[in-house]
Amino acid sequence: MKKSTLLISRISFMIVLVVGVVCSTTAKNFAEKPIEGRWDLTVNVGDHQVPSWLEVRHSGIETLVGFFVAEGGSARPISRVNFNNGKVSFRIPPQWEKSDNDMVLEGTLSNDQLTGTIVSSLGKTYTFKGVRAPSLTRTKAPVWGTPITLFDGKSTAGWHPSGTTNQWVGENGVLRSPRSGSNLITDQKFDDFKLHIEFRYPKESNSGVYLRGRYEVQVEDSKGQDATSTYFGGLYGFLTPSEMVAKDAGEWQTFDITLVGRLVTIEANGKKIICDQPIPGITGGALDSNEGEPGPIMLQGDHGPIEYRNIVITPAK
């Protein structure tokens, strides 16, 4: 073998060796960050608890970033998550509050559980606990059961309000919330299902259909807007429709939604706008963060007048 050929071979070997070491180190660094993943949080806010959600993932080799969902609002990006010796912390600016202060989370990861405190942008301190979010992966296709009519066309039987008062009225085939007030929740809970629901809103009104009481599909007067995750048909703060298909305010519109595990398909007004996409976690306004459990259908009634009709759910067996 010529010396030049031998030299090239040795250089090539060293390059492969160095690349292998770098890749090995990178994989090792990733594996050494147990905080990575999705976390279902429960926050104590005085006399009751509210759900929250956190995702942490790597960006590059050493930097951790993430997303956070509070009791309300949409998922917010975290530009840097600090994690060292089992201690995690980050801060993000306020979303709704009129404050110049960041929200700050500090916690400890032990035995694959998170505990810690959240200091709101208004200066209030709350404690929280967190568990890893379940994958909700299904190993086989669902077998659909018998369709269930959730609204009888004349009353709110089978439903209950989220608050102490109920502004919802069922009459003449329409389930109506004439003004902002309580959300409306089915007495029954469901796991995987297909849901058909029709709705009508006045100009500039807003509502939402919560799947398992945790994942909001946005109902909003959005015709003419670009499609986003927070407008009509979006999985609030997470999944953006392929196109905007909202009709004019005052017209009846439809959703046909299939939820299997985390995978959701949304057909709006006869067009498929989200197809078999995974829902990362709970959205703002969720009833709880117990993602591994069945949950109800919840209709948002605290953002303006809204009407629903022909609500039919087909659960998986």
Foldseek 3Di string as FASTA:
>chain_A
DDPVVVVVVVVVVVVVVVVVVVVVVQVVLQVVDLVAAKKWKWKDDDPDIATKIKHWDDDPRHFIWIWIADQADAIDIFPGWDDDPQKIKGWDCDDPDPARAIWIWIWGADPQKIWTWIQHRVGDIIIMIIHGDDQLDDPDDFDWDDKDFCAPQFANPQKDWPDPDDQWGRHNQKTKRQWADTKIWGPDWAAWKKKKKKKAAAPQFWKWKDALLFWTQTDGQQPPHFWDLCDHRHRHNFGTFQGDDDDHHPDMKMWIWTQRRQFIWIDIRNRTGGHRDGDRAGTHNGPGRNSVDTGIIIMHRRGTIMMMGRIMMIGTD
